[in-house]
Amino acid sequence: MKKTVISVTEAARNFAECVNLVRYHNVTFVLLKNGAPVARLVPPEGKVSKGADLAKALAHLNLPRAEAAAWSGDLRKARRTIGKPGSRWE
């Protein structure tokens, strides 16, 4: 889970974007007021999935070679299509 530090003012001006990043990209925001942390905006517990969770689930599958190759190709294509998420606070 990525942690991003922003001011309360920035969070207020871009609240909808912050909420979307929390919900869809599992970003945690630490909110600062006068340079001191005062709050966090975090995803709900139990909702966060990690690549390791997927790898663990897939380790128990015994796909035929052709199906595994097709799945791997689909995954590579999806990664190229989606790209890296961007944020102006990075």
PDB file of N, CA and C in Angstrom:
ATOM      1  N   MET A   1       0.853  -1.168   0.000  1.00  0.00           N
ATOM      2  CA  MET A   1       0.000   0.000   0.000  1.00  0.00           C
ATOM      3  C   MET A   1       0.902   1.235   0.000  1.00  0.00           C
ATOM      4  N   LYS A   2       0.625   2.155  -0.890  1.00  0.00           N
ATOM      5  CA  LYS A   2       1.422   3.364  -1.031  1.00  0.00           C
ATOM      6  C   LYS A   2       0.943   4.434  -0.057  1.00  0.00           C
ATOM      7  N   LYS A   3       1.869   5.132   0.564  1.00  0.00           N
ATOM      8  CA  LYS A   3       1.525   6.220   1.477  1.00  0.00           C
ATOM      9  C   LYS A   3       1.951   7.540   0.854  1.00  0.00           C
ATOM     10  N   THR A   4       1.055   8.522   0.840  1.00  0.00           N
ATOM     11  CA  THR A   4       1.324   9.839   0.281  1.00  0.00           C
ATOM     12  C   THR A   4       1.019  10.893   1.340  1.00  0.00           C
ATOM     13  N   VAL A   5       1.917  11.844   1.495  1.00  0.00           N
ATOM     14  CA  VAL A   5       1.757  12.917   2.481  1.00  0.00           C
ATOM     15  C   VAL A   5       1.336  14.182   1.743  1.00  0.00           C
ATOM     16  N   ILE A   6       0.213  14.764   2.162  1.00  0.00           N
ATOM     17  CA  ILE A   6      -0.268  16.017   1.555  1.00  0.00           C
ATOM     18  C   ILE A   6      -0.829  16.915   2.658  1.00  0.00           C
ATOM     19  N   SER A   7      -0.964  18.191   2.332  1.00  0.00           N
ATOM     20  CA  SER A   7      -1.544  19.125   3.306  1.00  0.00           C
ATOM     21  C   SER A   7      -3.059  18.965   3.332  1.00  0.00           C
ATOM     22  N   VAL A   8      -3.650  19.398   4.413  1.00  0.00           N
ATOM     23  CA  VAL A   8      -5.108  19.375   4.533  1.00  0.00           C
ATOM     24  C   VAL A   8      -5.729  20.233   3.430  1.00  0.00           C
ATOM     25  N   THR A   9      -5.089  21.324   3.089  1.00  0.00           N
ATOM     26  CA  THR A   9      -5.592  22.199   2.029  1.00  0.00           C
ATOM     27  C   THR A   9      -5.621  21.470   0.693  1.00  0.00           C
ATOM     28  N   GLU A  10      -4.524  20.764   0.360  1.00  0.00           N
ATOM     29  CA  GLU A  10      -4.487  19.989  -0.886  1.00  0.00           C
ATOM     30  C   GLU A  10      -5.582  18.924  -0.893  1.00  0.00           C
ATOM     31  N   ALA A  11      -5.749  18.249   0.234  1.00  0.00           N
ATOM     32  CA  ALA A  11      -6.771  17.201   0.325  1.00  0.00           C
ATOM     33  C   ALA A  11      -8.167  17.790   0.121  1.00  0.00           C
ATOM     34  N   ALA A  12      -8.416  18.953   0.701  1.00  0.00           N
ATOM     35  CA  ALA A  12      -9.732  19.586   0.561  1.00  0.00           C
ATOM     36  C   ALA A  12      -9.991  19.992  -0.889  1.00  0.00           C
ATOM     37  N   ARG A  13      -8.978  20.526  -1.544  1.00  0.00           N
ATOM     38  CA  ARG A  13      -9.141  20.966  -2.936  1.00  0.00           C
ATOM     39  C   ARG A  13      -9.325  19.803  -3.901  1.00  0.00           C
ATOM     40  N   ASN A  14      -8.806  18.646  -3.549  1.00  0.00           N
ATOM     41  CA  ASN A  14      -8.828  17.487  -4.445  1.00  0.00           C
ATOM     42  C   ASN A  14      -9.437  16.263  -3.765  1.00  0.00           C
ATOM     43  N   PHE A  15     -10.447  16.490  -2.944  1.00  0.00           N
ATOM     44  CA  PHE A  15     -10.983  15.416  -2.116  1.00  0.00           C
ATOM     45  C   PHE A  15     -11.499  14.233  -2.931  1.00  0.00           C
ATOM     46  N   ALA A  16     -12.247  14.486  -3.982  1.00  0.00           N
ATOM     47  CA  ALA A  16     -12.796  13.388  -4.791  1.00  0.00           C
ATOM     48  C   ALA A  16     -11.681  12.548  -5.403  1.00  0.00           C
ATOM     49  N   GLU A  17     -10.629  13.205  -5.889  1.00  0.00           N
ATOM     50  CA  GLU A  17      -9.501  12.466  -6.455  1.00  0.00           C
ATOM     51  C   GLU A  17      -8.800  11.638  -5.382  1.00  0.00           C
ATOM     52  N   CYS A  18      -8.632  12.213  -4.192  1.00  0.00           N
ATOM     53  CA  CYS A  18      -8.009  11.473  -3.084  1.00  0.00           C
ATOM     54  C   CYS A  18      -8.826  10.230  -2.742  1.00  0.00           C
ATOM     55  N   VAL A  19     -10.135  10.383  -2.643  1.00  0.00           N
ATOM     56  CA  VAL A  19     -11.002   9.253  -2.320  1.00  0.00           C
ATOM     57  C   VAL A  19     -10.896   8.173  -3.396  1.00  0.00           C
ATOM     58  N   ASN A  20     -10.871   8.577  -4.656  1.00  0.00           N
ATOM     59  CA  ASN A  20     -10.737   7.596  -5.740  1.00  0.00           C
ATOM     60  C   ASN A  20      -9.402   6.859  -5.670  1.00  0.00           C
ATOM     61  N   LEU A  21      -8.320   7.563  -5.365  1.00  0.00           N
ATOM     62  CA  LEU A  21      -7.023   6.909  -5.242  1.00  0.00           C
ATOM     63  C   LEU A  21      -7.011   5.926  -4.073  1.00  0.00           C
ATOM     64  N   VAL A  22      -7.660   6.294  -2.983  1.00  0.00           N
ATOM     65  CA  VAL A  22      -7.766   5.388  -1.835  1.00  0.00           C
ATOM     66  C   VAL A  22      -8.563   4.146  -2.221  1.00  0.00           C
ATOM     67  N   ARG A  23      -9.688   4.363  -2.868  1.00  0.00           N
ATOM     68  CA  ARG A  23     -10.582   3.247  -3.193  1.00  0.00           C
ATOM     69  C   ARG A  23     -10.025   2.324  -4.266  1.00  0.00           C
ATOM     70  N   TYR A  24      -9.531   2.898  -5.357  1.00  0.00           N
ATOM     71  CA  TYR A  24      -9.168   2.078  -6.508  1.00  0.00           C
ATOM     72  C   TYR A  24      -7.677   1.724  -6.588  1.00  0.00           C
ATOM     73  N   HIS A  25      -6.819   2.470  -5.889  1.00  0.00           N
ATOM     74  CA  HIS A  25      -5.383   2.220  -5.990  1.00  0.00           C
ATOM     75  C   HIS A  25      -4.745   1.932  -4.631  1.00  0.00           C
ATOM     76  N   ASN A  26      -5.575   1.817  -3.593  1.00  0.00           N
ATOM     77  CA  ASN A  26      -5.100   1.487  -2.243  1.00  0.00           C
ATOM     78  C   ASN A  26      -4.017   2.441  -1.736  1.00  0.00           C
ATOM     79  N   VAL A  27      -4.169   3.721  -2.069  1.00  0.00           N
ATOM     80  CA  VAL A  27      -3.246   4.743  -1.589  1.00  0.00           C
ATOM     81  C   VAL A  27      -3.713   5.206  -0.216  1.00  0.00           C
ATOM     82  N   THR A  28      -2.774   5.396   0.701  1.00  0.00           N
ATOM     83  CA  THR A  28      -3.073   5.979   2.004  1.00  0.00           C
ATOM     84  C   THR A  28      -2.542   7.402   2.009  1.00  0.00           C
ATOM     85  N   PHE A  29      -3.355   8.346   2.441  1.00  0.00           N
ATOM     86  CA  PHE A  29      -2.935   9.742   2.544  1.00  0.00           C
ATOM     87  C   PHE A  29      -2.728  10.100   4.011  1.00  0.00           C
ATOM     88  N   VAL A  30      -1.586  10.718   4.304  1.00  0.00           N
ATOM     89  CA  VAL A  30      -1.334  11.305   5.614  1.00  0.00           C
ATOM     90  C   VAL A  30      -1.554  12.801   5.422  1.00  0.00           C
ATOM     91  N   LEU A  31      -2.483  13.370   6.183  1.00  0.00           N
ATOM     92  CA  LEU A  31      -2.838  14.786   6.034  1.00  0.00           C
ATOM     93  C   LEU A  31      -2.073  15.624   7.058  1.00  0.00           C
ATOM     94  N   LEU A  32      -1.434  16.688   6.565  1.00  0.00           N
ATOM     95  CA  LEU A  32      -0.645  17.566   7.418  1.00  0.00           C
ATOM     96  C   LEU A  32      -1.334  18.912   7.605  1.00  0.00           C
ATOM     97  N   LYS A  33      -1.280  19.416   8.813  1.00  0.00           N
ATOM     98  CA  LYS A  33      -1.749  20.774   9.100  1.00  0.00           C
ATOM     99  C   LYS A  33      -0.587  21.477   9.792  1.00  0.00           C
ATOM    100  N   ASN A  34      -0.135  22.569   9.197  1.00  0.00           N
ATOM    101  CA  ASN A  34       1.042  23.293   9.691  1.00  0.00           C
ATOM    102  C   ASN A  34       2.249  22.367   9.819  1.00  0.00           C
ATOM    103  N   GLY A  35       2.379  21.438   8.871  1.00  0.00           N
ATOM    104  CA  GLY A  35       3.522  20.539   8.829  1.00  0.00           C
ATOM    105  C   GLY A  35       3.450  19.331   9.739  1.00  0.00           C
ATOM    106  N   ALA A  36       2.395  19.226  10.544  1.00  0.00           N
ATOM    107  CA  ALA A  36       2.272  18.097  11.471  1.00  0.00           C
ATOM    108  C   ALA A  36       1.147  17.162  11.019  1.00  0.00           C
ATOM    109  N   PRO A  37       1.345  15.847  11.114  1.00  0.00           N
ATOM    110  CA  PRO A  37       0.280  14.907  10.733  1.00  0.00           C
ATOM    111  C   PRO A  37      -0.913  15.034  11.671  1.00  0.00           C
ATOM    112  N   VAL A  38      -2.110  15.128  11.082  1.00  0.00           N
ATOM    113  CA  VAL A  38      -3.325  15.252  11.893  1.00  0.00           C
ATOM    114  C   VAL A  38      -4.360  14.181  11.579  1.00  0.00           C
ATOM    115  N   ALA A  39      -4.239  13.530  10.412  1.00  0.00           N
ATOM    116  CA  ALA A  39      -5.246  12.530  10.030  1.00  0.00           C
ATOM    117  C   ALA A  39      -4.698  11.655   8.914  1.00  0.00           C
ATOM    118  N   ARG A  40      -5.384  10.518   8.706  1.00  0.00           N
ATOM    119  CA  ARG A  40      -5.056   9.632   7.592  1.00  0.00           C
ATOM    120  C   ARG A  40      -6.339   9.276   6.859  1.00  0.00           C
ATOM    121  N   LEU A  41      -6.232   9.148   5.563  1.00  0.00           N
ATOM    122  CA  LEU A  41      -7.317   8.674   4.708  1.00  0.00           C
ATOM    123  C   LEU A  41      -6.832   7.333   4.175  1.00  0.00           C
ATOM    124  N   VAL A  42      -7.488   6.232   4.600  1.00  0.00           N
ATOM    125  CA  VAL A  42      -6.997   4.889   4.296  1.00  0.00           C
ATOM    126  C   VAL A  42      -8.097   4.024   3.700  1.00  0.00           C
ATOM    127  N   PRO A  43      -7.711   3.007   2.914  1.00  0.00           N
ATOM    128  CA  PRO A  43      -8.704   2.061   2.400  1.00  0.00           C
ATOM    129  C   PRO A  43      -9.295   1.251   3.557  1.00  0.00           C
ATOM    130  N   PRO A  44     -10.514   0.762   3.403  1.00  0.00           N
ATOM    131  CA  PRO A  44     -11.100  -0.057   4.463  1.00  0.00           C
ATOM    132  C   PRO A  44     -10.332  -1.364   4.610  1.00  0.00           C
ATOM    133  N   GLU A  45     -10.296  -1.884   5.827  1.00  0.00           N
ATOM    134  CA  GLU A  45      -9.610  -3.151   6.069  1.00  0.00           C
ATOM    135  C   GLU A  45     -10.299  -4.274   5.312  1.00  0.00           C
ATOM    136  N   GLY A  46      -9.509  -5.229   4.881  1.00  0.00           N
ATOM    137  CA  GLY A  46     -10.059  -6.389   4.203  1.00  0.00           C
ATOM    138  C   GLY A  46     -10.273  -6.196   2.716  1.00  0.00           C
ATOM    139  N   LYS A  47     -10.184  -4.966   2.238  1.00  0.00           N
ATOM    140  CA  LYS A  47     -10.433  -4.696   0.827  1.00  0.00           C
ATOM    141  C   LYS A  47      -9.142  -4.726   0.008  1.00  0.00           C
ATOM    142  N   VAL A  48      -8.014  -4.561   0.648  1.00  0.00           N
ATOM    143  CA  VAL A  48      -6.744  -4.466  -0.054  1.00  0.00           C
ATOM    144  C   VAL A  48      -6.285  -5.845  -0.514  1.00  0.00           C
ATOM    145  N   SER A  49      -5.996  -5.964  -1.785  1.00  0.00           N
ATOM    146  CA  SER A  49      -5.433  -7.191  -2.338  1.00  0.00           C
ATOM    147  C   SER A  49      -4.047  -6.873  -2.874  1.00  0.00           C
ATOM    148  N   LYS A  50      -3.162  -7.808  -2.720  1.00  0.00           N
ATOM    149  CA  LYS A  50      -1.804  -7.601  -3.188  1.00  0.00           C
ATOM    150  C   LYS A  50      -1.474  -8.637  -4.243  1.00  0.00           C
ATOM    151  N   GLY A  51      -0.464  -8.348  -5.038  1.00  0.00           N
ATOM    152  CA  GLY A  51      -0.020  -9.286  -6.050  1.00  0.00           C
ATOM    153  C   GLY A  51       0.358 -10.627  -5.446  1.00  0.00           C
ATOM    154  N   ALA A  52       0.900 -10.586  -4.231  1.00  0.00           N
ATOM    155  CA  ALA A  52       1.275 -11.832  -3.556  1.00  0.00           C
ATOM    156  C   ALA A  52       0.051 -12.706  -3.299  1.00  0.00           C
ATOM    157  N   ASP A  53      -1.097 -12.072  -3.021  1.00  0.00           N
ATOM    158  CA  ASP A  53      -2.333 -12.831  -2.809  1.00  0.00           C
ATOM    159  C   ASP A  53      -2.744 -13.560  -4.082  1.00  0.00           C
ATOM    160  N   LEU A  54      -2.631 -12.880  -5.219  1.00  0.00           N
ATOM    161  CA  LEU A  54      -2.954 -13.492  -6.495  1.00  0.00           C
ATOM    162  C   LEU A  54      -1.992 -14.635  -6.798  1.00  0.00           C
ATOM    163  N   ALA A  55      -0.698 -14.403  -6.569  1.00  0.00           N
ATOM    164  CA  ALA A  55       0.296 -15.447  -6.827  1.00  0.00           C
ATOM    165  C   ALA A  55       0.021 -16.683  -5.981  1.00  0.00           C
ATOM    166  N   LYS A  56      -0.360 -16.462  -4.737  1.00  0.00           N
ATOM    167  CA  LYS A  56      -0.671 -17.584  -3.833  1.00  0.00           C
ATOM    168  C   LYS A  56      -1.877 -18.370  -4.348  1.00  0.00           C
ATOM    169  N   ALA A  57      -2.903 -17.667  -4.805  1.00  0.00           N
ATOM    170  CA  ALA A  57      -4.100 -18.333  -5.329  1.00  0.00           C
ATOM    171  C   ALA A  57      -3.783 -19.099  -6.611  1.00  0.00           C
ATOM    172  N   LEU A  58      -2.969 -18.502  -7.468  1.00  0.00           N
ATOM    173  CA  LEU A  58      -2.643 -19.141  -8.735  1.00  0.00           C
ATOM    174  C   LEU A  58      -1.706 -20.335  -8.577  1.00  0.00           C
ATOM    175  N   ALA A  59      -0.944 -20.352  -7.489  1.00  0.00           N
ATOM    176  CA  ALA A  59       0.009 -21.450  -7.267  1.00  0.00           C
ATOM    177  C   ALA A  59      -0.699 -22.796  -7.122  1.00  0.00           C
ATOM    178  N   HIS A  60      -1.961 -22.762  -6.725  1.00  0.00           N
ATOM    179  CA  HIS A  60      -2.715 -23.999  -6.504  1.00  0.00           C
ATOM    180  C   HIS A  60      -3.467 -24.469  -7.746  1.00  0.00           C
ATOM    181  N   LEU A  61      -3.383 -23.711  -8.833  1.00  0.00           N
ATOM    182  CA  LEU A  61      -4.056 -24.110 -10.064  1.00  0.00           C
ATOM    183  C   LEU A  61      -3.133 -24.975 -10.911  1.00  0.00           C
ATOM    184  N   ASN A  62      -3.698 -25.931 -11.563  1.00  0.00           N
ATOM    185  CA  ASN A  62      -2.939 -26.767 -12.494  1.00  0.00           C
ATOM    186  C   ASN A  62      -3.524 -26.582 -13.882  1.00  0.00           C
ATOM    187  N   LEU A  63      -3.178 -25.460 -14.503  1.00  0.00           N
ATOM    188  CA  LEU A  63      -3.691 -25.168 -15.834  1.00  0.00           C
ATOM    189  C   LEU A  63      -2.924 -25.970 -16.881  1.00  0.00           C
ATOM    190  N   PRO A  64      -3.613 -26.408 -17.937  1.00  0.00           N
ATOM    191  CA  PRO A  64      -2.898 -27.014 -19.058  1.00  0.00           C
ATOM    192  C   PRO A  64      -1.924 -25.983 -19.642  1.00  0.00           C
ATOM    193  N   ARG A  65      -0.835 -26.450 -20.226  1.00  0.00           N
ATOM    194  CA  ARG A  65       0.223 -25.574 -20.730  1.00  0.00           C
ATOM    195  C   ARG A  65      -0.318 -24.489 -21.662  1.00  0.00           C
ATOM    196  N   ALA A  66      -1.173 -24.843 -22.606  1.00  0.00           N
ATOM    197  CA  ALA A  66      -1.703 -23.863 -23.572  1.00  0.00           C
ATOM    198  C   ALA A  66      -2.548 -22.805 -22.865  1.00  0.00           C
ATOM    199  N   GLU A  67      -3.332 -23.217 -21.893  1.00  0.00           N
ATOM    200  CA  GLU A  67      -4.185 -22.267 -21.164  1.00  0.00           C
ATOM    201  C   GLU A  67      -3.327 -21.334 -20.305  1.00  0.00           C
ATOM    202  N   ALA A  68      -2.300 -21.863 -19.666  1.00  0.00           N
ATOM    203  CA  ALA A  68      -1.393 -21.040 -18.858  1.00  0.00           C
ATOM    204  C   ALA A  68      -0.666 -20.019 -19.737  1.00  0.00           C
ATOM    205  N   ALA A  69      -0.236 -20.437 -20.921  1.00  0.00           N
ATOM    206  CA  ALA A  69       0.448 -19.523 -21.842  1.00  0.00           C
ATOM    207  C   ALA A  69      -0.498 -18.420 -22.310  1.00  0.00           C
ATOM    208  N   ALA A  70      -1.742 -18.777 -22.599  1.00  0.00           N
ATOM    209  CA  ALA A  70      -2.730 -17.784 -23.026  1.00  0.00           C
ATOM    210  C   ALA A  70      -2.997 -16.782 -21.900  1.00  0.00           C
ATOM    211  N   TRP A  71      -3.109 -17.291 -20.675  1.00  0.00           N
ATOM    212  CA  TRP A  71      -3.369 -16.422 -19.523  1.00  0.00           C
ATOM    213  C   TRP A  71      -2.198 -15.467 -19.321  1.00  0.00           C
ATOM    214  N   SER A  72      -0.976 -15.978 -19.432  1.00  0.00           N
ATOM    215  CA  SER A  72       0.214 -15.156 -19.268  1.00  0.00           C
ATOM    216  C   SER A  72       0.267 -14.056 -20.334  1.00  0.00           C
ATOM    217  N   GLY A  73      -0.093 -14.402 -21.572  1.00  0.00           N
ATOM    218  CA  GLY A  73      -0.131 -13.409 -22.650  1.00  0.00           C
ATOM    219  C   GLY A  73      -1.184 -12.344 -22.397  1.00  0.00           C
ATOM    220  N   ASP A  74      -2.341 -12.759 -21.908  1.00  0.00           N
ATOM    221  CA  ASP A  74      -3.401 -11.802 -21.580  1.00  0.00           C
ATOM    222  C   ASP A  74      -2.948 -10.843 -20.480  1.00  0.00           C
ATOM    223  N   LEU A  75      -2.243 -11.381 -19.497  1.00  0.00           N
ATOM    224  CA  LEU A  75      -1.759 -10.549 -18.397  1.00  0.00           C
ATOM    225  C   LEU A  75      -0.755  -9.509 -18.898  1.00  0.00           C
ATOM    226  N   ARG A  76       0.184  -9.926 -19.741  1.00  0.00           N
ATOM    227  CA  ARG A  76       1.151  -8.976 -20.317  1.00  0.00           C
ATOM    228  C   ARG A  76       0.443  -7.884 -21.113  1.00  0.00           C
ATOM    229  N   LYS A  77      -0.551  -8.273 -21.901  1.00  0.00           N
ATOM    230  CA  LYS A  77      -1.300  -7.300 -22.703  1.00  0.00           C
ATOM    231  C   LYS A  77      -2.039  -6.314 -21.807  1.00  0.00           C
ATOM    232  N   ALA A  78      -2.656  -6.818 -20.738  1.00  0.00           N
ATOM    233  CA  ALA A  78      -3.384  -5.946 -19.806  1.00  0.00           C
ATOM    234  C   ALA A  78      -2.438  -4.959 -19.140  1.00  0.00           C
ATOM    235  N   ARG A  79      -1.266  -5.419 -18.746  1.00  0.00           N
ATOM    236  CA  ARG A  79      -0.289  -4.516 -18.112  1.00  0.00           C
ATOM    237  C   ARG A  79       0.138  -3.404 -19.060  1.00  0.00           C
ATOM    238  N   ARG A  80       0.342  -3.732 -20.335  1.00  0.00           N
ATOM    239  CA  ARG A  80       0.720  -2.697 -21.317  1.00  0.00           C
ATOM    240  C   ARG A  80      -0.420  -1.705 -21.514  1.00  0.00           C
ATOM    241  N   THR A  81      -1.649  -2.202 -21.544  1.00  0.00           N
ATOM    242  CA  THR A  81      -2.815  -1.354 -21.775  1.00  0.00           C
ATOM    243  C   THR A  81      -3.064  -0.426 -20.602  1.00  0.00           C
ATOM    244  N   ILE A  82      -2.987  -0.961 -19.392  1.00  0.00           N
ATOM    245  CA  ILE A  82      -3.298  -0.176 -18.195  1.00  0.00           C
ATOM    246  C   ILE A  82      -2.198   0.823 -17.888  1.00  0.00           C
ATOM    247  N   GLY A  83      -0.961   0.405 -17.947  1.00  0.00           N
ATOM    248  CA  GLY A  83       0.144   1.293 -17.610  1.00  0.00           C
ATOM    249  C   GLY A  83       0.195   1.567 -16.118  1.00  0.00           C
ATOM    250  N   LYS A  84       1.099   2.445 -15.729  1.00  0.00           N
ATOM    251  CA  LYS A  84       1.255   2.789 -14.322  1.00  0.00           C
ATOM    252  C   LYS A  84       0.287   3.910 -13.961  1.00  0.00           C
ATOM    253  N   PRO A  85      -0.314   3.833 -12.766  1.00  0.00           N
ATOM    254  CA  PRO A  85      -1.183   4.929 -12.339  1.00  0.00           C
ATOM    255  C   PRO A  85      -0.338   6.167 -12.050  1.00  0.00           C
ATOM    256  N   GLY A  86      -0.881   7.310 -12.351  1.00  0.00           N
ATOM    257  CA  GLY A  86      -0.177   8.548 -12.084  1.00  0.00           C
ATOM    258  C   GLY A  86      -0.847   9.341 -10.982  1.00  0.00           C
ATOM    259  N   SER A  87      -0.063  10.135 -10.301  1.00  0.00           N
ATOM    260  CA  SER A  87      -0.595  10.996  -9.266  1.00  0.00           C
ATOM    261  C   SER A  87       0.252  12.252  -9.219  1.00  0.00           C
ATOM    262  N   ARG A  88      -0.360  13.360  -9.080  1.00  0.00           N
ATOM    263  CA  ARG A  88       0.414  14.596  -9.046  1.00  0.00           C
ATOM    264  C   ARG A  88       1.096  14.806  -7.714  1.00  0.00           C
ATOM    265  N   TRP A  89       0.860  13.906  -6.728  1.00  0.00           N
ATOM    266  CA  TRP A  89       1.514  14.018  -5.433  1.00  0.00           C
ATOM    267  C   TRP A  89       2.725  13.110  -5.310  1.00  0.00           C
ATOM    268  N   GLU A  90       3.067  12.415  -6.375  1.00  0.00           N
ATOM    269  CA  GLU A  90       4.211  11.502  -6.310  1.00  0.00           C
ATOM    270  C   GLU A  90       5.500  12.271  -6.377  1.00  0.00           C
TER     271      GLU A  90
END
